């Protein structure tokens, strides 16, 4: 279903902007800390999570740009939707690469208390952000916002996957656990990217 231009209520537009600003601040911190922790700990799980954080930061920037445009700007919505949907495919490729490197045994992870603390925070914060964005996507009819909601949801899932993988590897030394779990997310990421590219907002059928 194509985007239908409409004037958004002022409060809805403000909610979108607030949620995106919160996302930008959090993802900036998350990307820097997780990638730094991944480098120090040589952790594929944290590397994949940090890559997801960077992609989510770009996605949130695109959606913030879209909603800073006039509310009836259909061209801005279509452009933002294509970019946000494309970023989901970039995320899928990054998860695949990080998982493949881990499975090939290219790196051996070390414990990372900072990384674990960040993952716990992300596992709580990102599902909440995803819910807010899904609701706003339904309210605004924005497929770009739906794609960004999917980015946030995947970030939360990857935080849980990385935590589980680090725990399993730390306790039982099963170093393939987190990359295999991350690979299981690929169908979800690709599906959401495809739905976004078709211009489908949350709660639209078909």
N, C-alpha and C. Protein backbone atom coordinates (compact mmCIF):
# COMPACT_ATOMS: atom_id res chain seq x y z
N UNK A 1 0.84 -1.19 0.00
CA UNK A 1 0.00 0.00 0.00
C UNK A 1 0.87 1.24 0.00
N UNK A 2 0.79 2.12 -1.01
CA UNK A 2 1.66 3.27 -1.09
C UNK A 2 1.36 4.28 0.00
N UNK A 3 2.36 5.11 0.27
CA UNK A 3 2.20 6.15 1.28
C UNK A 3 1.17 7.16 0.81
N UNK A 4 0.26 7.52 1.70
CA UNK A 4 -0.75 8.53 1.40
C UNK A 4 -0.40 9.79 2.17
N UNK A 5 -0.14 10.87 1.46
CA UNK A 5 0.23 12.12 2.11
C UNK A 5 -0.90 12.61 2.99
N UNK A 6 -0.55 13.05 4.20
CA UNK A 6 -1.53 13.59 5.11
C UNK A 6 -0.85 14.49 6.11
N UNK A 7 -1.63 15.36 6.70
CA UNK A 7 -1.10 16.26 7.70
C UNK A 7 -1.15 15.58 9.06
N UNK A 8 -0.01 15.50 9.72
CA UNK A 8 0.05 14.82 11.01
C UNK A 8 -0.37 15.76 12.13
N UNK A 9 -1.07 15.23 13.13
CA UNK A 9 -1.31 16.03 14.34
C UNK A 9 0.02 16.48 14.94
N UNK A 10 0.05 17.68 15.48
CA UNK A 10 1.29 18.24 16.00
C UNK A 10 1.88 17.35 17.10
N UNK A 11 1.05 16.82 17.98
CA UNK A 11 1.55 16.00 19.07
C UNK A 11 2.17 14.70 18.55
N UNK A 12 1.57 14.11 17.50
CA UNK A 12 2.13 12.89 16.90
C UNK A 12 3.50 13.18 16.30
N UNK A 13 3.61 14.28 15.57
CA UNK A 13 4.90 14.65 14.98
C UNK A 13 5.95 14.87 16.06
N UNK A 14 5.55 15.50 17.15
CA UNK A 14 6.49 15.73 18.25
C UNK A 14 6.92 14.42 18.90
N UNK A 15 5.98 13.48 19.04
CA UNK A 15 6.32 12.17 19.61
C UNK A 15 7.35 11.46 18.74
N UNK A 16 7.15 11.51 17.43
CA UNK A 16 8.10 10.89 16.51
C UNK A 16 9.48 11.50 16.70
N UNK A 17 9.54 12.82 16.73
CA UNK A 17 10.82 13.50 16.85
C UNK A 17 11.50 13.16 18.19
N UNK A 18 10.71 13.12 19.27
CA UNK A 18 11.28 12.79 20.58
C UNK A 18 11.87 11.39 20.59
N UNK A 19 11.10 10.43 20.06
CA UNK A 19 11.57 9.04 20.04
C UNK A 19 12.83 8.91 19.21
N UNK A 20 12.89 9.61 18.08
CA UNK A 20 14.07 9.52 17.22
C UNK A 20 15.28 10.18 17.85
N UNK A 21 15.09 11.29 18.55
CA UNK A 21 16.22 11.93 19.22
C UNK A 21 16.76 11.03 20.32
N UNK A 22 15.86 10.41 21.10
CA UNK A 22 16.30 9.45 22.12
C UNK A 22 17.08 8.31 21.48
N UNK A 23 16.57 7.81 20.34
CA UNK A 23 17.26 6.73 19.63
C UNK A 23 18.66 7.16 19.19
N UNK A 24 18.77 8.36 18.63
CA UNK A 24 20.07 8.84 18.15
C UNK A 24 21.08 8.94 19.30
N UNK A 25 20.65 9.48 20.43
CA UNK A 25 21.56 9.62 21.57
C UNK A 25 22.01 8.24 22.07
N UNK A 26 21.01 7.35 22.26
CA UNK A 26 21.34 6.02 22.79
C UNK A 26 22.20 5.23 21.82
N UNK A 27 21.85 5.26 20.51
CA UNK A 27 22.60 4.46 19.55
C UNK A 27 24.02 4.98 19.37
N UNK A 28 24.23 6.29 19.52
CA UNK A 28 25.59 6.83 19.43
C UNK A 28 26.45 6.25 20.55
N UNK A 29 25.91 6.26 21.76
CA UNK A 29 26.64 5.69 22.90
C UNK A 29 26.84 4.19 22.70
N UNK A 30 25.76 3.52 22.30
CA UNK A 30 25.80 2.07 22.15
C UNK A 30 26.82 1.64 21.11
N UNK A 31 26.86 2.34 19.97
CA UNK A 31 27.78 1.97 18.90
C UNK A 31 29.23 2.14 19.34
N UNK A 32 29.53 3.27 19.96
CA UNK A 32 30.91 3.54 20.38
C UNK A 32 31.36 2.53 21.43
N UNK A 33 30.54 2.32 22.46
CA UNK A 33 30.92 1.43 23.56
C UNK A 33 31.01 -0.02 23.09
N UNK A 34 30.02 -0.48 22.31
CA UNK A 34 30.02 -1.88 21.90
C UNK A 34 31.16 -2.20 20.94
N UNK A 35 31.44 -1.30 20.00
CA UNK A 35 32.54 -1.55 19.06
C UNK A 35 33.88 -1.48 19.78
N UNK A 36 33.99 -0.55 20.75
CA UNK A 36 35.23 -0.49 21.54
C UNK A 36 35.41 -1.75 22.38
N UNK A 37 34.32 -2.21 22.99
CA UNK A 37 34.39 -3.44 23.79
C UNK A 37 34.69 -4.65 22.91
N UNK A 38 34.11 -4.67 21.70
CA UNK A 38 34.36 -5.78 20.76
C UNK A 38 35.84 -5.83 20.38
N UNK A 39 36.45 -4.66 20.16
CA UNK A 39 37.86 -4.60 19.80
C UNK A 39 38.74 -5.12 20.94
N UNK A 40 38.43 -4.70 22.17
CA UNK A 40 39.25 -5.12 23.31
C UNK A 40 39.04 -6.59 23.65
N UNK A 41 37.80 -7.06 23.53
CA UNK A 41 37.50 -8.45 23.92
C UNK A 41 37.60 -9.42 22.75
N UNK A 42 37.76 -8.88 21.52
CA UNK A 42 37.78 -9.73 20.31
C UNK A 42 36.52 -10.61 20.26
N UNK A 43 35.38 -9.97 20.51
CA UNK A 43 34.13 -10.72 20.60
C UNK A 43 33.29 -10.56 19.34
N UNK A 44 33.04 -11.66 18.60
CA UNK A 44 32.16 -11.58 17.43
C UNK A 44 30.74 -11.15 17.80
N UNK A 45 30.27 -11.58 18.97
CA UNK A 45 28.92 -11.20 19.40
C UNK A 45 28.82 -9.69 19.56
N UNK A 46 29.79 -9.10 20.23
CA UNK A 46 29.78 -7.65 20.41
C UNK A 46 30.05 -6.92 19.10
N UNK A 47 30.84 -7.51 18.22
CA UNK A 47 31.08 -6.91 16.91
C UNK A 47 29.79 -6.83 16.11
N UNK A 48 29.05 -7.95 16.08
CA UNK A 48 27.78 -7.96 15.37
C UNK A 48 26.80 -6.97 15.98
N UNK A 49 26.78 -6.89 17.31
CA UNK A 49 25.89 -5.96 17.98
C UNK A 49 26.29 -4.52 17.70
N UNK A 50 27.60 -4.25 17.70
CA UNK A 50 28.07 -2.90 17.40
C UNK A 50 27.76 -2.49 15.97
N UNK A 51 27.88 -3.43 15.05
CA UNK A 51 27.52 -3.13 13.66
C UNK A 51 26.04 -2.82 13.53
N UNK A 52 25.22 -3.58 14.24
CA UNK A 52 23.79 -3.31 14.25
C UNK A 52 23.51 -1.92 14.83
N UNK A 53 24.22 -1.54 15.87
CA UNK A 53 24.04 -0.23 16.48
C UNK A 53 24.35 0.89 15.49
N UNK A 54 25.42 0.71 14.71
CA UNK A 54 25.78 1.72 13.72
C UNK A 54 24.72 1.83 12.63
N UNK A 55 24.19 0.69 12.18
CA UNK A 55 23.14 0.70 11.16
C UNK A 55 21.87 1.35 11.71
N UNK A 56 21.52 1.02 12.96
CA UNK A 56 20.35 1.61 13.59
C UNK A 56 20.52 3.12 13.75
N UNK A 57 21.73 3.58 14.02
CA UNK A 57 21.99 5.01 14.12
C UNK A 57 21.71 5.70 12.78
N UNK A 58 22.16 5.09 11.70
CA UNK A 58 21.89 5.65 10.37
C UNK A 58 20.40 5.65 10.06
N UNK A 59 19.73 4.55 10.41
CA UNK A 59 18.29 4.44 10.15
C UNK A 59 17.51 5.51 10.91
N UNK A 60 17.86 5.71 12.19
CA UNK A 60 17.17 6.72 13.00
C UNK A 60 17.41 8.12 12.44
N UNK A 61 18.62 8.35 11.92
CA UNK A 61 18.93 9.64 11.31
C UNK A 61 18.05 9.89 10.08
N UNK A 62 17.89 8.85 9.27
CA UNK A 62 17.06 8.96 8.06
C UNK A 62 15.61 9.29 8.43
N UNK A 63 15.08 8.59 9.43
CA UNK A 63 13.68 8.82 9.82
C UNK A 63 13.53 10.20 10.46
N UNK A 64 14.50 10.64 11.23
CA UNK A 64 14.44 11.98 11.81
C UNK A 64 14.43 13.03 10.70
N UNK A 65 15.26 12.82 9.68
CA UNK A 65 15.27 13.72 8.53
C UNK A 65 13.91 13.73 7.84
N UNK A 66 13.32 12.54 7.66
CA UNK A 66 12.03 12.47 6.99
C UNK A 66 10.96 13.28 7.73
N UNK A 67 10.92 13.16 9.06
CA UNK A 67 9.88 13.85 9.81
C UNK A 67 10.23 15.31 10.13
N UNK A 68 11.43 15.73 9.74
CA UNK A 68 11.74 17.15 9.82
C UNK A 68 11.28 17.87 8.56
N UNK A 69 10.87 17.09 7.55
CA UNK A 69 10.32 17.65 6.33
C UNK A 69 8.85 17.98 6.55
N UNK A 70 8.22 18.69 5.61
CA UNK A 70 6.78 18.94 5.74
C UNK A 70 6.01 17.65 5.88
N UNK A 71 4.96 17.66 6.69
CA UNK A 71 4.25 16.43 7.04
C UNK A 71 3.58 15.77 5.85
N UNK A 72 3.35 16.53 4.76
CA UNK A 72 2.69 15.94 3.60
C UNK A 72 3.67 15.64 2.46
N UNK A 73 4.95 15.58 2.80
CA UNK A 73 5.98 15.38 1.79
C UNK A 73 6.11 13.89 1.46
N UNK A 74 5.33 13.44 0.46
CA UNK A 74 5.35 12.03 0.08
C UNK A 74 6.67 11.60 -0.51
N UNK A 75 7.36 12.50 -1.21
CA UNK A 75 8.65 12.15 -1.81
C UNK A 75 9.68 11.87 -0.73
N UNK A 76 9.68 12.67 0.33
CA UNK A 76 10.61 12.43 1.44
C UNK A 76 10.33 11.09 2.09
N UNK A 77 9.04 10.73 2.25
CA UNK A 77 8.67 9.45 2.84
C UNK A 77 9.17 8.29 1.98
N UNK A 78 8.98 8.39 0.67
CA UNK A 78 9.42 7.30 -0.22
C UNK A 78 10.93 7.14 -0.19
N UNK A 79 11.64 8.27 -0.20
CA UNK A 79 13.11 8.20 -0.17
C UNK A 79 13.58 7.61 1.16
N UNK A 80 13.00 8.07 2.25
CA UNK A 80 13.39 7.55 3.57
C UNK A 80 13.07 6.07 3.70
N UNK A 81 11.94 5.64 3.13
CA UNK A 81 11.55 4.24 3.19
C UNK A 81 12.55 3.36 2.46
N UNK A 82 12.96 3.80 1.26
CA UNK A 82 13.94 3.02 0.49
C UNK A 82 15.26 2.91 1.24
N UNK A 83 15.71 4.01 1.84
CA UNK A 83 16.98 3.98 2.55
C UNK A 83 16.89 3.10 3.80
N UNK A 84 15.81 3.30 4.59
CA UNK A 84 15.65 2.52 5.81
C UNK A 84 15.51 1.03 5.51
N UNK A 85 14.74 0.70 4.46
CA UNK A 85 14.62 -0.70 4.06
C UNK A 85 15.94 -1.27 3.60
N UNK A 86 16.69 -0.48 2.84
CA UNK A 86 18.00 -0.93 2.37
C UNK A 86 18.97 -1.17 3.52
N UNK A 87 18.87 -0.35 4.56
CA UNK A 87 19.75 -0.52 5.72
C UNK A 87 19.48 -1.84 6.44
N UNK A 88 18.24 -2.33 6.37
CA UNK A 88 17.96 -3.64 6.96
C UNK A 88 18.71 -4.75 6.22
N UNK A 89 18.82 -4.62 4.90
CA UNK A 89 19.59 -5.61 4.14
C UNK A 89 21.08 -5.48 4.45
N UNK A 90 21.56 -4.24 4.66
CA UNK A 90 22.95 -4.04 5.09
C UNK A 90 23.18 -4.73 6.43
N UNK A 91 22.21 -4.57 7.33
CA UNK A 91 22.31 -5.22 8.64
C UNK A 91 22.37 -6.74 8.49
N UNK A 92 21.53 -7.30 7.61
CA UNK A 92 21.54 -8.75 7.39
C UNK A 92 22.91 -9.21 6.92
N UNK A 93 23.50 -8.44 6.00
CA UNK A 93 24.82 -8.80 5.49
C UNK A 93 25.87 -8.72 6.59
N UNK A 94 25.77 -7.72 7.45
CA UNK A 94 26.74 -7.56 8.54
C UNK A 94 26.63 -8.71 9.53
N UNK A 95 25.41 -9.07 9.89
CA UNK A 95 25.21 -10.20 10.81
C UNK A 95 25.77 -11.48 10.20
N UNK A 96 25.53 -11.68 8.92
CA UNK A 96 26.04 -12.87 8.23
C UNK A 96 27.56 -12.90 8.26
N UNK A 97 28.20 -11.76 7.97
CA UNK A 97 29.66 -11.70 7.95
C UNK A 97 30.25 -11.96 9.34
N UNK A 98 29.70 -11.27 10.36
CA UNK A 98 30.22 -11.44 11.71
C UNK A 98 30.04 -12.87 12.20
N UNK A 99 28.90 -13.47 11.86
CA UNK A 99 28.65 -14.85 12.28
C UNK A 99 29.58 -15.82 11.57
N UNK A 100 29.81 -15.57 10.26
CA UNK A 100 30.70 -16.45 9.51
C UNK A 100 32.12 -16.40 10.06
N UNK A 101 32.61 -15.20 10.39
CA UNK A 101 33.95 -15.07 10.96
C UNK A 101 34.05 -15.81 12.30
N UNK A 102 32.98 -15.71 13.10
CA UNK A 102 32.98 -16.40 14.39
C UNK A 102 33.00 -17.92 14.21
N UNK A 103 32.19 -18.41 13.26
CA UNK A 103 32.11 -19.85 13.03
C UNK A 103 33.41 -20.41 12.46
N UNK A 104 34.12 -19.58 11.70
CA UNK A 104 35.40 -20.01 11.13
C UNK A 104 36.53 -19.96 12.16
N UNK A 105 36.23 -19.43 13.35
CA UNK A 105 37.24 -19.39 14.40
C UNK A 105 38.31 -18.35 14.17
N UNK A 106 37.95 -17.25 13.45
CA UNK A 106 38.94 -16.23 13.16
C UNK A 106 39.31 -15.42 14.42
N UNK A 107 38.41 -15.38 15.37
CA UNK A 107 38.68 -14.61 16.58
C UNK A 107 38.29 -15.44 17.80
N UNK A 108 38.97 -15.18 18.91
CA UNK A 108 38.66 -15.87 20.16
C UNK A 108 38.28 -14.81 21.19
N UNK A 109 37.02 -14.85 21.63
CA UNK A 109 36.51 -13.80 22.50
C UNK A 109 37.06 -13.91 23.91
N UNK A 110 37.21 -12.73 24.55
CA UNK A 110 37.57 -12.66 25.96
C UNK A 110 36.41 -12.02 26.71
N UNK A 111 36.32 -12.23 28.03
CA UNK A 111 35.22 -11.62 28.79
C UNK A 111 35.23 -10.10 28.68
N UNK A 112 34.04 -9.49 28.66
CA UNK A 112 33.92 -8.04 28.57
C UNK A 112 32.81 -7.57 29.49
N UNK A 113 33.14 -7.19 30.74
CA UNK A 113 32.11 -6.71 31.66
C UNK A 113 31.36 -5.49 31.14
N UNK A 114 32.09 -4.57 30.50
CA UNK A 114 31.44 -3.38 29.94
C UNK A 114 30.45 -3.78 28.84
N UNK A 115 30.88 -4.70 27.98
CA UNK A 115 30.01 -5.16 26.91
C UNK A 115 28.77 -5.85 27.45
N UNK A 116 28.93 -6.65 28.48
CA UNK A 116 27.78 -7.36 29.07
C UNK A 116 26.80 -6.37 29.69
N UNK A 117 27.32 -5.35 30.39
CA UNK A 117 26.43 -4.34 30.98
C UNK A 117 25.66 -3.60 29.90
N UNK A 118 26.34 -3.26 28.80
CA UNK A 118 25.66 -2.57 27.70
C UNK A 118 24.58 -3.44 27.08
N UNK A 119 24.88 -4.72 26.90
CA UNK A 119 23.90 -5.63 26.30
C UNK A 119 22.66 -5.76 27.18
N UNK A 120 22.84 -5.78 28.50
CA UNK A 120 21.70 -5.86 29.40
C UNK A 120 20.82 -4.62 29.26
N UNK A 121 21.45 -3.44 29.21
CA UNK A 121 20.69 -2.21 29.03
C UNK A 121 19.96 -2.20 27.70
N UNK A 122 20.63 -2.62 26.64
CA UNK A 122 20.01 -2.63 25.31
C UNK A 122 18.85 -3.62 25.24
N UNK A 123 18.98 -4.76 25.91
CA UNK A 123 17.91 -5.77 25.90
C UNK A 123 16.64 -5.24 26.54
N UNK A 124 16.78 -4.25 27.43
CA UNK A 124 15.61 -3.63 28.07
C UNK A 124 15.11 -2.44 27.26
N UNK A 125 16.03 -1.58 26.81
CA UNK A 125 15.65 -0.31 26.17
C UNK A 125 15.14 -0.49 24.75
N UNK A 126 15.76 -1.36 23.96
CA UNK A 126 15.42 -1.41 22.53
C UNK A 126 14.03 -1.97 22.25
N UNK A 127 13.55 -3.00 22.96
CA UNK A 127 12.17 -3.44 22.72
C UNK A 127 11.16 -2.33 23.02
N UNK A 128 11.43 -1.52 24.05
CA UNK A 128 10.53 -0.41 24.35
C UNK A 128 10.51 0.61 23.21
N UNK A 129 11.69 0.95 22.70
CA UNK A 129 11.75 1.87 21.57
C UNK A 129 11.05 1.30 20.35
N UNK A 130 11.23 0.00 20.11
CA UNK A 130 10.59 -0.64 18.96
C UNK A 130 9.07 -0.55 19.06
N UNK A 131 8.52 -0.78 20.25
CA UNK A 131 7.07 -0.68 20.43
C UNK A 131 6.56 0.73 20.16
N UNK A 132 7.30 1.73 20.66
CA UNK A 132 6.90 3.12 20.42
C UNK A 132 6.88 3.42 18.91
N UNK A 133 7.89 2.95 18.21
CA UNK A 133 7.99 3.24 16.78
C UNK A 133 6.93 2.49 15.97
N UNK A 134 6.61 1.27 16.37
CA UNK A 134 5.55 0.54 15.66
C UNK A 134 4.22 1.26 15.79
N UNK A 135 3.92 1.73 17.01
CA UNK A 135 2.68 2.46 17.22
C UNK A 135 2.66 3.75 16.40
N UNK A 136 3.78 4.46 16.37
CA UNK A 136 3.85 5.69 15.60
C UNK A 136 3.80 5.42 14.11
N UNK A 137 4.34 4.28 13.68
CA UNK A 137 4.23 3.90 12.27
C UNK A 137 2.78 3.70 11.87
N UNK A 138 2.02 3.03 12.76
CA UNK A 138 0.59 2.84 12.50
C UNK A 138 -0.15 4.17 12.50
N UNK A 139 0.22 5.08 13.41
CA UNK A 139 -0.46 6.37 13.50
C UNK A 139 -0.17 7.28 12.32
N UNK A 140 1.06 7.17 11.77
CA UNK A 140 1.48 8.08 10.71
C UNK A 140 1.40 7.46 9.31
N UNK A 141 1.28 6.12 9.24
CA UNK A 141 1.29 5.45 7.95
C UNK A 141 2.67 5.43 7.31
N UNK A 142 3.72 5.54 8.14
CA UNK A 142 5.08 5.64 7.62
C UNK A 142 5.78 4.29 7.57
N UNK A 143 6.10 3.84 6.36
CA UNK A 143 6.86 2.59 6.22
C UNK A 143 8.31 2.78 6.65
N UNK A 144 8.83 4.02 6.51
CA UNK A 144 10.19 4.29 6.96
C UNK A 144 10.29 4.10 8.47
N UNK A 145 9.28 4.53 9.18
CA UNK A 145 9.26 4.36 10.63
C UNK A 145 9.09 2.90 11.01
N UNK A 146 8.34 2.14 10.20
CA UNK A 146 8.22 0.70 10.44
C UNK A 146 9.59 0.04 10.31
N UNK A 147 10.34 0.41 9.27
CA UNK A 147 11.67 -0.19 9.08
C UNK A 147 12.58 0.16 10.25
N UNK A 148 12.48 1.40 10.73
CA UNK A 148 13.30 1.80 11.87
C UNK A 148 12.88 1.05 13.13
N UNK A 149 11.57 0.79 13.28
CA UNK A 149 11.10 -0.02 14.41
C UNK A 149 11.70 -1.42 14.34
N UNK A 150 11.77 -1.97 13.12
CA UNK A 150 12.36 -3.30 12.96
C UNK A 150 13.84 -3.28 13.35
N UNK A 151 14.56 -2.19 12.99
CA UNK A 151 15.96 -2.06 13.39
C UNK A 151 16.09 -2.11 14.91
N UNK A 152 15.21 -1.36 15.60
CA UNK A 152 15.27 -1.33 17.06
C UNK A 152 14.96 -2.70 17.66
N UNK A 153 13.96 -3.39 17.09
CA UNK A 153 13.60 -4.72 17.58
C UNK A 153 14.76 -5.69 17.39
N UNK A 154 15.38 -5.66 16.22
CA UNK A 154 16.51 -6.54 15.95
C UNK A 154 17.66 -6.24 16.90
N UNK A 155 17.87 -4.96 17.19
CA UNK A 155 18.92 -4.59 18.14
C UNK A 155 18.67 -5.23 19.50
N UNK A 156 17.41 -5.21 19.95
CA UNK A 156 17.06 -5.85 21.22
C UNK A 156 17.27 -7.35 21.17
N UNK A 157 16.85 -7.98 20.04
CA UNK A 157 17.04 -9.42 19.89
C UNK A 157 18.52 -9.78 19.90
N UNK A 158 19.33 -8.99 19.16
CA UNK A 158 20.76 -9.27 19.10
C UNK A 158 21.43 -9.10 20.46
N UNK A 159 20.92 -8.16 21.27
CA UNK A 159 21.47 -8.01 22.62
C UNK A 159 21.24 -9.28 23.43
N UNK A 160 20.02 -9.84 23.33
CA UNK A 160 19.73 -11.08 24.04
C UNK A 160 20.56 -12.25 23.50
N UNK A 161 20.67 -12.30 22.16
CA UNK A 161 21.45 -13.37 21.53
C UNK A 161 22.91 -13.28 21.96
N UNK A 162 23.45 -12.06 21.94
CA UNK A 162 24.85 -11.89 22.33
C UNK A 162 25.07 -12.25 23.79
N UNK A 163 24.13 -11.85 24.66
CA UNK A 163 24.23 -12.21 26.08
C UNK A 163 24.21 -13.72 26.26
N UNK A 164 23.27 -14.37 25.58
CA UNK A 164 23.18 -15.83 25.68
C UNK A 164 24.45 -16.49 25.16
N UNK A 165 24.93 -15.98 24.03
CA UNK A 165 26.14 -16.55 23.45
C UNK A 165 27.35 -16.38 24.35
N UNK A 166 27.51 -15.18 24.93
CA UNK A 166 28.63 -14.94 25.83
C UNK A 166 28.53 -15.82 27.08
N UNK A 167 27.29 -16.01 27.57
CA UNK A 167 27.10 -16.85 28.76
C UNK A 167 27.42 -18.31 28.45
N UNK A 168 26.90 -18.82 27.35
CA UNK A 168 27.14 -20.21 26.97
C UNK A 168 28.62 -20.45 26.72
N UNK A 169 29.24 -19.49 26.01
CA UNK A 169 30.67 -19.64 25.72
C UNK A 169 31.49 -19.56 27.00
N UNK A 170 31.08 -18.65 27.92
CA UNK A 170 31.82 -18.49 29.17
C UNK A 170 31.70 -19.69 30.09
N UNK A 171 30.51 -20.30 30.12
CA UNK A 171 30.27 -21.42 31.04
C UNK A 171 30.70 -22.75 30.44
N UNK A 172 30.25 -22.99 29.18
CA UNK A 172 30.50 -24.30 28.56
C UNK A 172 31.52 -24.27 27.44
N UNK A 173 32.07 -23.10 27.15
CA UNK A 173 33.08 -22.95 26.09
C UNK A 173 32.54 -23.39 24.72
N UNK A 174 31.27 -23.10 24.47
CA UNK A 174 30.65 -23.41 23.17
C UNK A 174 30.69 -22.13 22.35
N UNK A 175 31.80 -21.90 21.60
CA UNK A 175 32.01 -20.61 20.97
C UNK A 175 31.18 -20.39 19.71
N UNK A 176 30.45 -21.42 19.25
CA UNK A 176 29.62 -21.23 18.06
C UNK A 176 28.18 -20.87 18.41
N UNK A 177 27.86 -20.78 19.70
CA UNK A 177 26.46 -20.57 20.11
C UNK A 177 25.91 -19.23 19.66
N UNK A 178 26.67 -18.13 19.90
CA UNK A 178 26.10 -16.82 19.56
C UNK A 178 26.03 -16.57 18.06
N UNK A 179 27.02 -16.99 17.22
CA UNK A 179 26.84 -16.76 15.79
C UNK A 179 25.69 -17.57 15.20
N UNK A 180 25.46 -18.80 15.69
CA UNK A 180 24.34 -19.60 15.18
C UNK A 180 23.02 -18.94 15.57
N UNK A 181 22.93 -18.46 16.79
CA UNK A 181 21.71 -17.77 17.21
C UNK A 181 21.48 -16.51 16.41
N UNK A 182 22.55 -15.77 16.13
CA UNK A 182 22.42 -14.54 15.32
C UNK A 182 21.94 -14.86 13.91
N UNK A 183 22.43 -15.94 13.34
CA UNK A 183 22.00 -16.33 11.98
C UNK A 183 20.50 -16.62 11.93
N UNK A 184 19.94 -17.08 13.04
CA UNK A 184 18.52 -17.38 13.08
C UNK A 184 17.67 -16.12 12.91
N UNK A 185 18.27 -14.95 13.12
CA UNK A 185 17.53 -13.70 12.96
C UNK A 185 17.46 -13.23 11.51
N UNK A 186 18.26 -13.80 10.64
CA UNK A 186 18.33 -13.31 9.26
C UNK A 186 16.99 -13.32 8.54
N UNK A 187 16.17 -14.39 8.64
CA UNK A 187 14.87 -14.34 7.95
C UNK A 187 14.00 -13.18 8.41
N UNK A 188 14.02 -12.88 9.71
CA UNK A 188 13.24 -11.75 10.23
C UNK A 188 13.74 -10.43 9.65
N UNK A 189 15.06 -10.24 9.64
CA UNK A 189 15.63 -8.99 9.14
C UNK A 189 15.29 -8.80 7.67
N UNK A 190 15.47 -9.86 6.87
CA UNK A 190 15.21 -9.77 5.43
C UNK A 190 13.73 -9.52 5.18
N UNK A 191 12.86 -10.19 5.92
CA UNK A 191 11.41 -9.98 5.75
C UNK A 191 11.02 -8.54 6.03
N UNK A 192 11.54 -7.98 7.13
CA UNK A 192 11.21 -6.60 7.47
C UNK A 192 11.76 -5.63 6.42
N UNK A 193 12.95 -5.91 5.91
CA UNK A 193 13.51 -5.08 4.85
C UNK A 193 12.67 -5.11 3.60
N UNK A 194 12.18 -6.29 3.24
CA UNK A 194 11.34 -6.44 2.06
C UNK A 194 10.01 -5.71 2.24
N UNK A 195 9.40 -5.84 3.40
CA UNK A 195 8.14 -5.16 3.68
C UNK A 195 8.31 -3.65 3.62
N UNK A 196 9.44 -3.17 4.15
CA UNK A 196 9.70 -1.73 4.11
C UNK A 196 9.88 -1.24 2.69
N UNK A 197 10.62 -2.00 1.87
CA UNK A 197 10.83 -1.60 0.48
C UNK A 197 9.53 -1.55 -0.30
N UNK A 198 8.56 -2.36 0.11
CA UNK A 198 7.24 -2.32 -0.53
C UNK A 198 6.40 -1.16 -0.02
N UNK A 199 6.91 -0.44 0.98
CA UNK A 199 6.21 0.73 1.48
C UNK A 199 5.10 0.41 2.44
N UNK A 200 5.23 -0.66 3.20
CA UNK A 200 4.16 -1.09 4.09
C UNK A 200 4.44 -0.61 5.51
N UNK A 201 3.50 0.14 6.05
CA UNK A 201 3.60 0.60 7.43
C UNK A 201 3.08 -0.48 8.37
N UNK A 202 3.32 -0.30 9.67
CA UNK A 202 2.82 -1.26 10.65
C UNK A 202 1.29 -1.33 10.60
N UNK A 203 0.83 -2.57 10.81
CA UNK A 203 -0.62 -2.82 10.89
C UNK A 203 -1.32 -2.72 9.54
N UNK A 204 -0.57 -2.65 8.44
CA UNK A 204 -1.19 -2.74 7.12
C UNK A 204 -1.18 -4.19 6.67
N UNK A 205 -2.24 -4.63 6.09
CA UNK A 205 -2.35 -6.02 5.63
C UNK A 205 -1.84 -6.14 4.21
N UNK A 206 -1.58 -7.39 3.82
CA UNK A 206 -1.25 -7.68 2.44
C UNK A 206 0.23 -7.74 2.16
